[in-house]
Amino acid sequence: MKNSLKSIEKRRKAILDILEARKQLTTLELSSELNVSLSTIRRDLNVLEEKNDIIRKYGYCLFNYKNKTNFDESGPLRLKQQIARYASRYVNDYDTLFINSSSTALAILNYLTVKHVTIVTNNLKVVATTHQPNYSYILTGGELRIPKEVLVGDIATRTLMDMNADICVIGCSGVSVENGVTTKILNESKINELMINKTRRSKILVADHRKIGLTSKFKIADVSSFDYLITDQFCPTKIAKEISETGIKVIRIKDFPAIELF
């Protein structure tokens, strides 16, 4: 079984390497190149499309360069939505909720079922979301960073220092046992750290499989600072177990609502 899984992963990596080098190929060309059946290639392409590694067009597929170069803003949309949907179940009526600059964290607003909640965020994109009449929306204020549309700096920091939340949902650029939870931007690391420290009940880390095992520039917190890591089915089992050994509950979303817990 292990050898079979290794061969599958090796073949899928070969598909990505070929597409990255040659830009686009048909299913038939890939089948011939790798000497496997069309049905096998189609199954592989289904998975790679789900992970946002490739773009499929009528009759051919392409390497998704955007997924590689614009790591935080791109990504597997459906998987991110599943992660956000699962995270929403931890929000109770009348909670105060911290949300950071992460697109996955912000997506939780699409799935909340509670009638009353206070949302505190430095993510200016909250303005463009669908607003509920019984929800309160608080922006931290601060220096606006473009193009990410996030608020940072002393004003944002002071706002958070004067507040407490029941729950926080934090996205990141990397998660590893050795180097903790990390982000690309120094000013955001301080904001995220404050959100975690000022949360009283549930601290939730959301990260799709691409970020698991990676380390970015600036540390936000140790992995053990969080209560939950919610990720997707493509998160490597070995790394998920290593992370769970720090005391955090790791939840891998499979075909929703099925999950794996460590």
C-alpha atoms as a PDB file:
ATOM      1  CA  MET A   1       0.000   0.000   0.000  1.00  0.00           C
ATOM      2  CA  LYS A   2       2.821   2.407   0.932  1.00  0.00           C
ATOM      3  CA  ASN A   3       4.629   1.654  -2.307  1.00  0.00           C
ATOM      4  CA  SER A   4       1.411   2.264  -4.229  1.00  0.00           C
ATOM      5  CA  LEU A   5       0.891   5.646  -2.543  1.00  0.00           C
ATOM      6  CA  LYS A   6       4.499   6.594  -3.179  1.00  0.00           C
ATOM      7  CA  SER A   7       4.197   5.725  -6.860  1.00  0.00           C
ATOM      8  CA  ILE A   8       1.018   7.800  -7.138  1.00  0.00           C
ATOM      9  CA  GLU A   9       2.687  10.801  -5.506  1.00  0.00           C
ATOM     10  CA  LYS A  10       5.759  10.360  -7.691  1.00  0.00           C
ATOM     11  CA  ARG A  11       3.598  10.267 -10.834  1.00  0.00           C
ATOM     12  CA  ARG A  12       1.653  13.374  -9.811  1.00  0.00           C
ATOM     13  CA  LYS A  13       4.858  15.237  -9.131  1.00  0.00           C
ATOM     14  CA  ALA A  14       6.095  14.164 -12.567  1.00  0.00           C
ATOM     15  CA  ILE A  15       2.910  15.580 -14.125  1.00  0.00           C
ATOM     16  CA  LEU A  16       3.535  18.934 -12.429  1.00  0.00           C
ATOM     17  CA  ASP A  17       7.197  18.966 -13.442  1.00  0.00           C
ATOM     18  CA  ILE A  18       6.285  18.251 -17.074  1.00  0.00           C
ATOM     19  CA  LEU A  19       3.550  20.896 -17.154  1.00  0.00           C
ATOM     20  CA  GLU A  20       5.754  23.499 -15.505  1.00  0.00           C
ATOM     21  CA  ALA A  21       8.449  22.899 -18.094  1.00  0.00           C
ATOM     22  CA  ARG A  22       6.173  22.650 -21.141  1.00  0.00           C
ATOM     23  CA  LYS A  23       3.300  24.946 -20.058  1.00  0.00           C
ATOM     24  CA  GLN A  24       0.410  22.850 -21.398  1.00  0.00           C
ATOM     25  CA  LEU A  25      -0.352  19.308 -22.570  1.00  0.00           C
ATOM     26  CA  THR A  26      -3.363  17.217 -23.473  1.00  0.00           C
ATOM     27  CA  THR A  27      -4.500  14.262 -21.394  1.00  0.00           C
ATOM     28  CA  LEU A  28      -3.418  11.943 -24.197  1.00  0.00           C
ATOM     29  CA  GLU A  29       0.065  13.488 -24.297  1.00  0.00           C
ATOM     30  CA  LEU A  30       0.478  13.067 -20.543  1.00  0.00           C
ATOM     31  CA  SER A  31      -0.738   9.470 -20.739  1.00  0.00           C
ATOM     32  CA  SER A  32       1.828   8.711 -23.434  1.00  0.00           C
ATOM     33  CA  GLU A  33       4.612  10.618 -21.639  1.00  0.00           C
ATOM     34  CA  LEU A  34       4.144   8.699 -18.385  1.00  0.00           C
ATOM     35  CA  ASN A  35       3.094   5.406 -19.961  1.00  0.00           C
ATOM     36  CA  VAL A  36      -0.150   5.076 -17.982  1.00  0.00           C
ATOM     37  CA  SER A  37      -3.800   4.808 -18.972  1.00  0.00           C
ATOM     38  CA  LEU A  38      -6.033   7.755 -19.751  1.00  0.00           C
ATOM     39  CA  SER A  39      -8.261   6.893 -16.795  1.00  0.00           C
ATOM     40  CA  THR A  40      -5.251   7.018 -14.461  1.00  0.00           C
ATOM     41  CA  ILE A  41      -4.172  10.404 -15.815  1.00  0.00           C
ATOM     42  CA  ARG A  42      -7.717  11.745 -15.454  1.00  0.00           C
ATOM     43  CA  ARG A  43      -7.826  10.675 -11.790  1.00  0.00           C
ATOM     44  CA  ASP A  44      -4.487  12.364 -11.190  1.00  0.00           C
ATOM     45  CA  LEU A  45      -5.635  15.541 -12.915  1.00  0.00           C
ATOM     46  CA  ASN A  46      -8.818  15.599 -10.825  1.00  0.00           C
ATOM     47  CA  VAL A  47      -6.725  15.620  -7.647  1.00  0.00           C
ATOM     48  CA  LEU A  48      -4.235  18.189  -8.949  1.00  0.00           C
ATOM     49  CA  GLU A  49      -7.073  20.466 -10.024  1.00  0.00           C
ATOM     50  CA  GLU A  50      -8.672  20.130  -6.587  1.00  0.00           C
ATOM     51  CA  LYS A  51      -5.365  21.197  -5.032  1.00  0.00           C
ATOM     52  CA  ASN A  52      -5.211  24.158  -7.448  1.00  0.00           C
ATOM     53  CA  ASP A  53      -1.879  22.949  -8.846  1.00  0.00           C
ATOM     54  CA  ILE A  54      -3.183  22.885 -12.429  1.00  0.00           C
ATOM     55  CA  ILE A  55      -5.809  24.583 -14.570  1.00  0.00           C
ATOM     56  CA  ARG A  56      -7.918  22.369 -16.824  1.00  0.00           C
ATOM     57  CA  LYS A  57      -9.286  23.604 -20.106  1.00  0.00           C
ATOM     58  CA  TYR A  58     -11.265  21.824 -22.794  1.00  0.00           C
ATOM     59  CA  GLY A  59      -8.866  19.262 -24.232  1.00  0.00           C
ATOM     60  CA  TYR A  60      -5.736  20.246 -22.302  1.00  0.00           C
ATOM     61  CA  CYS A  61      -4.356  21.382 -18.921  1.00  0.00           C
ATOM     62  CA  LEU A  62      -1.827  23.964 -17.737  1.00  0.00           C
ATOM     63  CA  PHE A  63       0.485  24.417 -14.785  1.00  0.00           C
ATOM     64  CA  ASN A  64      -0.995  26.956 -12.345  1.00  0.00           C
ATOM     65  CA  TYR A  65       1.868  29.415 -11.988  1.00  0.00           C
ATOM     66  CA  LYS A  66      -0.296  31.794  -9.926  1.00  0.00           C
ATOM     67  CA  ASN A  67      -0.693  29.143  -7.251  1.00  0.00           C
ATOM     68  CA  LYS A  68       3.088  29.071  -6.923  1.00  0.00           C
ATOM     69  CA  THR A  69       3.945  32.763  -7.148  1.00  0.00           C
ATOM     70  CA  ASN A  70       0.976  34.301  -5.308  1.00  0.00           C
ATOM     71  CA  PHE A  71       0.873  31.800  -2.488  1.00  0.00           C
ATOM     72  CA  ASP A  72      -1.295  33.564   0.095  1.00  0.00           C
ATOM     73  CA  GLU A  73      -3.886  35.051  -2.217  1.00  0.00           C
ATOM     74  CA  SER A  74      -4.295  32.083  -4.530  1.00  0.00           C
ATOM     75  CA  GLY A  75      -5.023  28.524  -3.551  1.00  0.00           C
ATOM     76  CA  PRO A  76      -7.575  25.733  -3.646  1.00  0.00           C
ATOM     77  CA  LEU A  77     -10.820  27.675  -3.269  1.00  0.00           C
ATOM     78  CA  ARG A  78     -13.123  24.732  -2.528  1.00  0.00           C
ATOM     79  CA  LEU A  79     -10.750  23.347   0.110  1.00  0.00           C
ATOM     80  CA  LYS A  80     -10.459  26.775   1.733  1.00  0.00           C
ATOM     81  CA  GLN A  81     -14.236  27.016   1.818  1.00  0.00           C
ATOM     82  CA  GLN A  82     -14.508  23.600   3.464  1.00  0.00           C
ATOM     83  CA  ILE A  83     -11.971  24.627   6.110  1.00  0.00           C
ATOM     84  CA  ALA A  84     -13.850  27.879   6.810  1.00  0.00           C
ATOM     85  CA  ARG A  85     -17.183  26.079   6.931  1.00  0.00           C
ATOM     86  CA  TYR A  86     -15.912  23.628   9.524  1.00  0.00           C
ATOM     87  CA  ALA A  87     -14.337  26.410  11.607  1.00  0.00           C
ATOM     88  CA  SER A  88     -17.689  28.222  11.749  1.00  0.00           C
ATOM     89  CA  ARG A  89     -19.154  25.540  14.034  1.00  0.00           C
ATOM     90  CA  TYR A  90     -17.007  26.796  16.932  1.00  0.00           C
ATOM     91  CA  VAL A  91     -18.652  30.229  16.961  1.00  0.00           C
ATOM     92  CA  ASN A  92     -21.475  30.603  19.490  1.00  0.00           C
ATOM     93  CA  ASP A  93     -24.250  33.157  19.715  1.00  0.00           C
ATOM     94  CA  TYR A  94     -23.078  36.511  21.130  1.00  0.00           C
ATOM     95  CA  ASP A  95     -19.397  35.615  20.709  1.00  0.00           C
ATOM     96  CA  THR A  96     -16.744  38.194  19.915  1.00  0.00           C
ATOM     97  CA  LEU A  97     -14.620  36.865  17.056  1.00  0.00           C
ATOM     98  CA  PHE A  98     -11.127  37.944  15.984  1.00  0.00           C
ATOM     99  CA  ILE A  99     -10.330  37.369  12.283  1.00  0.00           C
ATOM    100  CA  ASN A 100      -6.921  38.171  10.803  1.00  0.00           C
ATOM    101  CA  SER A 101      -5.905  39.042   7.232  1.00  0.00           C
ATOM    102  CA  SER A 102      -6.293  35.474   5.927  1.00  0.00           C
ATOM    103  CA  SER A 103      -8.767  34.854   3.094  1.00  0.00           C
ATOM    104  CA  THR A 104      -9.591  31.459   4.612  1.00  0.00           C
ATOM    105  CA  ALA A 105     -10.260  33.007   8.022  1.00  0.00           C
ATOM    106  CA  LEU A 106     -12.468  35.705   6.492  1.00  0.00           C
ATOM    107  CA  ALA A 107     -14.469  33.077   4.589  1.00  0.00           C
ATOM    108  CA  ILE A 108     -15.877  31.841   7.907  1.00  0.00           C
ATOM    109  CA  LEU A 109     -18.388  34.705   7.686  1.00  0.00           C
ATOM    110  CA  ASN A 110     -20.102  32.929   4.788  1.00  0.00           C
ATOM    111  CA  TYR A 111     -21.002  29.972   7.005  1.00  0.00           C
ATOM    112  CA  LEU A 112     -21.953  31.406  10.402  1.00  0.00           C
ATOM    113  CA  THR A 113     -25.370  30.266  11.615  1.00  0.00           C
ATOM    114  CA  VAL A 114     -25.503  32.250  14.872  1.00  0.00           C
ATOM    115  CA  LYS A 115     -27.851  35.223  15.124  1.00  0.00           C
ATOM    116  CA  HIS A 116     -25.581  37.638  16.978  1.00  0.00           C
ATOM    117  CA  VAL A 117     -21.804  38.009  16.815  1.00  0.00           C
ATOM    118  CA  THR A 118     -19.210  40.771  17.041  1.00  0.00           C
ATOM    119  CA  ILE A 119     -16.472  40.542  14.415  1.00  0.00           C
ATOM    120  CA  VAL A 120     -13.185  42.320  15.025  1.00  0.00           C
ATOM    121  CA  THR A 121     -10.705  42.287  12.154  1.00  0.00           C
ATOM    122  CA  ASN A 122      -7.827  44.097  10.483  1.00  0.00           C
ATOM    123  CA  ASN A 123      -8.954  42.667   7.140  1.00  0.00           C
ATOM    124  CA  LEU A 124     -10.461  45.515   5.099  1.00  0.00           C
ATOM    125  CA  LYS A 125     -12.024  42.989   2.720  1.00  0.00           C
ATOM    126  CA  VAL A 126     -14.707  42.446   5.353  1.00  0.00           C
ATOM    127  CA  VAL A 127     -16.334  45.569   3.890  1.00  0.00           C
ATOM    128  CA  ALA A 128     -17.099  43.656   0.677  1.00  0.00           C
ATOM    129  CA  THR A 129     -18.649  40.636   2.425  1.00  0.00           C
ATOM    130  CA  THR A 130     -22.375  40.097   2.917  1.00  0.00           C
ATOM    131  CA  HIS A 131     -23.337  41.859   6.149  1.00  0.00           C
ATOM    132  CA  GLN A 132     -25.905  40.535   8.616  1.00  0.00           C
ATOM    133  CA  PRO A 133     -28.170  43.047  10.390  1.00  0.00           C
ATOM    134  CA  ASN A 134     -27.588  41.608  13.886  1.00  0.00           C
ATOM    135  CA  TYR A 135     -23.815  41.346  13.531  1.00  0.00           C
ATOM    136  CA  SER A 136     -21.398  44.026  14.713  1.00  0.00           C
ATOM    137  CA  TYR A 137     -18.336  44.691  12.552  1.00  0.00           C
ATOM    138  CA  ILE A 138     -15.306  46.420  14.047  1.00  0.00           C
ATOM    139  CA  LEU A 139     -12.235  47.381  12.019  1.00  0.00           C
ATOM    140  CA  THR A 140      -9.060  47.848  14.026  1.00  0.00           C
ATOM    141  CA  GLY A 141      -8.029  50.963  12.132  1.00  0.00           C
ATOM    142  CA  GLY A 142      -4.378  51.521  11.344  1.00  0.00           C
ATOM    143  CA  GLU A 143      -2.066  51.788   8.364  1.00  0.00           C
ATOM    144  CA  LEU A 144      -3.555  50.299   5.201  1.00  0.00           C
ATOM    145  CA  ARG A 145      -1.291  47.901   3.320  1.00  0.00           C
ATOM    146  CA  ILE A 146      -1.963  47.549  -0.419  1.00  0.00           C
ATOM    147  CA  PRO A 147      -2.619  45.316  -2.317  1.00  0.00           C
ATOM    148  CA  LYS A 148      -3.484  42.916   0.510  1.00  0.00           C
ATOM    149  CA  GLU A 149      -5.945  45.408   2.058  1.00  0.00           C
ATOM    150  CA  VAL A 150      -5.011  44.833   5.693  1.00  0.00           C
ATOM    151  CA  LEU A 151      -4.643  47.265   8.582  1.00  0.00           C
ATOM    152  CA  VAL A 152      -1.454  47.212  10.662  1.00  0.00           C
ATOM    153  CA  GLY A 153       0.618  49.494  12.882  1.00  0.00           C
ATOM    154  CA  ASP A 154       0.243  51.185  16.272  1.00  0.00           C
ATOM    155  CA  ILE A 155      -3.441  52.106  15.939  1.00  0.00           C
ATOM    156  CA  ALA A 156      -4.437  48.531  15.075  1.00  0.00           C
ATOM    157  CA  THR A 157      -2.273  47.232  17.915  1.00  0.00           C
ATOM    158  CA  ARG A 158      -3.788  49.609  20.494  1.00  0.00           C
ATOM    159  CA  THR A 159      -7.313  48.653  19.415  1.00  0.00           C
ATOM    160  CA  LEU A 160      -6.630  44.970  19.990  1.00  0.00           C
ATOM    161  CA  MET A 161      -4.876  45.585  23.309  1.00  0.00           C
ATOM    162  CA  ASP A 162      -8.104  47.080  24.646  1.00  0.00           C
ATOM    163  CA  MET A 163     -10.283  44.159  23.542  1.00  0.00           C
ATOM    164  CA  ASN A 164     -10.888  40.508  24.381  1.00  0.00           C
ATOM    165  CA  ALA A 165     -12.491  37.861  22.179  1.00  0.00           C
ATOM    166  CA  ASP A 166     -14.136  34.509  22.796  1.00  0.00           C
ATOM    167  CA  ILE A 167     -12.647  32.957  19.678  1.00  0.00           C
ATOM    168  CA  CYS A 168     -10.044  33.790  17.038  1.00  0.00           C
ATOM    169  CA  VAL A 169      -9.607  32.366  13.557  1.00  0.00           C
ATOM    170  CA  ILE A 170      -6.076  32.890  12.268  1.00  0.00           C
ATOM    171  CA  GLY A 171      -4.599  32.067   8.863  1.00  0.00           C
ATOM    172  CA  CYS A 172      -0.879  31.989   8.143  1.00  0.00           C
ATOM    173  CA  SER A 173       1.858  31.411   5.567  1.00  0.00           C
ATOM    174  CA  GLY A 174       3.467  28.398   7.215  1.00  0.00           C
ATOM    175  CA  VAL A 175       3.002  25.842  10.013  1.00  0.00           C
ATOM    176  CA  SER A 176       5.746  23.617  11.393  1.00  0.00           C
ATOM    177  CA  VAL A 177       6.549  22.002  14.719  1.00  0.00           C
ATOM    178  CA  GLU A 178      10.106  23.334  14.659  1.00  0.00           C
ATOM    179  CA  ASN A 179       9.416  26.973  13.752  1.00  0.00           C
ATOM    180  CA  GLY A 180       5.809  27.435  14.771  1.00  0.00           C
ATOM    181  CA  VAL A 181       3.159  29.427  12.932  1.00  0.00           C
ATOM    182  CA  THR A 182       4.663  32.028  10.618  1.00  0.00           C
ATOM    183  CA  THR A 183       3.724  34.850   8.257  1.00  0.00           C
ATOM    184  CA  LYS A 184       5.436  36.847   5.509  1.00  0.00           C
ATOM    185  CA  ILE A 185       4.851  40.315   6.963  1.00  0.00           C
ATOM    186  CA  LEU A 186       6.416  41.552  10.201  1.00  0.00           C
ATOM    187  CA  ASN A 187       3.642  44.019  11.083  1.00  0.00           C
ATOM    188  CA  GLU A 188       1.020  41.318  10.685  1.00  0.00           C
ATOM    189  CA  SER A 189       2.854  38.956  13.022  1.00  0.00           C
ATOM    190  CA  LYS A 190       2.338  41.361  15.926  1.00  0.00           C
ATOM    191  CA  ILE A 191      -1.372  41.766  15.126  1.00  0.00           C
ATOM    192  CA  ASN A 192      -1.847  38.005  14.932  1.00  0.00           C
ATOM    193  CA  GLU A 193       0.040  37.445  18.183  1.00  0.00           C
ATOM    194  CA  LEU A 194      -2.211  39.933  19.955  1.00  0.00           C
ATOM    195  CA  MET A 195      -5.368  38.278  18.606  1.00  0.00           C
ATOM    196  CA  ILE A 196      -4.196  34.928  19.971  1.00  0.00           C
ATOM    197  CA  ASN A 197      -3.188  36.301  23.379  1.00  0.00           C
ATOM    198  CA  LYS A 198      -6.446  38.237  23.785  1.00  0.00           C
ATOM    199  CA  THR A 199      -8.674  35.248  22.997  1.00  0.00           C
ATOM    200  CA  ARG A 200     -10.259  33.575  26.015  1.00  0.00           C
ATOM    201  CA  ARG A 201     -11.844  30.359  24.718  1.00  0.00           C
ATOM    202  CA  SER A 202     -11.016  28.854  21.308  1.00  0.00           C
ATOM    203  CA  LYS A 203      -7.930  29.624  19.221  1.00  0.00           C
ATOM    204  CA  ILE A 204      -8.294  28.211  15.728  1.00  0.00           C
ATOM    205  CA  LEU A 205      -5.574  27.988  13.093  1.00  0.00           C
ATOM    206  CA  VAL A 206      -6.755  27.525   9.497  1.00  0.00           C
ATOM    207  CA  ALA A 207      -4.283  26.455   6.799  1.00  0.00           C
ATOM    208  CA  ASP A 208      -4.613  24.440   3.614  1.00  0.00           C
ATOM    209  CA  HIS A 209      -2.166  21.621   2.849  1.00  0.00           C
ATOM    210  CA  ARG A 210       0.289  23.850   0.954  1.00  0.00           C
ATOM    211  CA  LYS A 211       1.276  25.637   4.168  1.00  0.00           C
ATOM    212  CA  ILE A 212       1.709  22.602   6.406  1.00  0.00           C
ATOM    213  CA  GLY A 213       5.383  21.892   7.057  1.00  0.00           C
ATOM    214  CA  LEU A 214       6.493  25.272   5.685  1.00  0.00           C
ATOM    215  CA  THR A 215       8.219  28.148   7.456  1.00  0.00           C
ATOM    216  CA  SER A 216       7.763  31.788   6.448  1.00  0.00           C
ATOM    217  CA  LYS A 217       9.713  34.879   7.581  1.00  0.00           C
ATOM    218  CA  PHE A 218       8.166  35.965  10.879  1.00  0.00           C
ATOM    219  CA  LYS A 219       6.892  33.894  13.766  1.00  0.00           C
ATOM    220  CA  ILE A 220       3.359  34.477  15.065  1.00  0.00           C
ATOM    221  CA  ALA A 221       3.267  31.857  17.823  1.00  0.00           C
ATOM    222  CA  ASP A 222       4.133  28.292  18.729  1.00  0.00           C
ATOM    223  CA  VAL A 223       1.803  25.682  17.266  1.00  0.00           C
ATOM    224  CA  SER A 224       0.832  24.726  20.826  1.00  0.00           C
ATOM    225  CA  SER A 225      -0.664  28.211  21.325  1.00  0.00           C
ATOM    226  CA  PHE A 226      -3.691  27.060  19.335  1.00  0.00           C
ATOM    227  CA  ASP A 227      -6.495  24.702  20.319  1.00  0.00           C
ATOM    228  CA  TYR A 228      -7.295  23.529  16.774  1.00  0.00           C
ATOM    229  CA  LEU A 229      -5.612  23.271  13.394  1.00  0.00           C
ATOM    230  CA  ILE A 230      -8.169  22.866  10.623  1.00  0.00           C
ATOM    231  CA  THR A 231      -6.678  21.781   7.305  1.00  0.00           C
ATOM    232  CA  ASP A 232      -7.665  19.660   4.303  1.00  0.00           C
ATOM    233  CA  GLN A 233      -7.361  16.030   3.241  1.00  0.00           C
ATOM    234  CA  PHE A 234      -4.079  16.606   1.393  1.00  0.00           C
ATOM    235  CA  CYS A 235      -2.207  17.553   4.553  1.00  0.00           C
ATOM    236  CA  PRO A 236       0.547  14.927   5.008  1.00  0.00           C
ATOM    237  CA  THR A 237      -0.437  12.415   7.701  1.00  0.00           C
ATOM    238  CA  LYS A 238       3.044  12.287   9.214  1.00  0.00           C
ATOM    239  CA  ILE A 239       3.253  16.053   9.719  1.00  0.00           C
ATOM    240  CA  ALA A 240      -0.331  16.188  11.015  1.00  0.00           C
ATOM    241  CA  LYS A 241       0.545  13.633  13.695  1.00  0.00           C
ATOM    242  CA  GLU A 242       3.726  15.503  14.641  1.00  0.00           C
ATOM    243  CA  ILE A 243       1.722  18.712  15.051  1.00  0.00           C
ATOM    244  CA  SER A 244      -0.934  16.934  17.124  1.00  0.00           C
ATOM    245  CA  GLU A 245       1.759  15.778  19.540  1.00  0.00           C
ATOM    246  CA  THR A 246       2.232  19.422  20.610  1.00  0.00           C
ATOM    247  CA  GLY A 247      -1.246  19.283  22.162  1.00  0.00           C
ATOM    248  CA  ILE A 248      -3.278  20.882  19.361  1.00  0.00           C
ATOM    249  CA  LYS A 249      -6.231  18.996  17.882  1.00  0.00           C
ATOM    250  CA  VAL A 250      -5.652  18.517  14.135  1.00  0.00           C
ATOM    251  CA  ILE A 251      -8.747  18.275  11.961  1.00  0.00           C
ATOM    252  CA  ARG A 252      -8.339  17.218   8.337  1.00  0.00           C
ATOM    253  CA  ILE A 253     -11.382  17.902   6.221  1.00  0.00           C
ATOM    254  CA  LYS A 254     -12.078  15.131   3.745  1.00  0.00           C
ATOM    255  CA  ASP A 255     -15.345  14.929   1.803  1.00  0.00           C
ATOM    256  CA  PHE A 256     -17.304  17.214   4.083  1.00  0.00           C
ATOM    257  CA  PRO A 257     -18.510  16.526   6.734  1.00  0.00           C
ATOM    258  CA  ALA A 258     -16.170  13.517   7.138  1.00  0.00           C
ATOM    259  CA  ILE A 259     -12.994  14.354   9.057  1.00  0.00           C
ATOM    260  CA  GLU A 260      -9.927  12.794  10.549  1.00  0.00           C
ATOM    261  CA  LEU A 261      -8.896  13.723  14.077  1.00  0.00           C
ATOM    262  CA  PHE A 262      -5.447  13.339  15.614  1.00  0.00           C
END
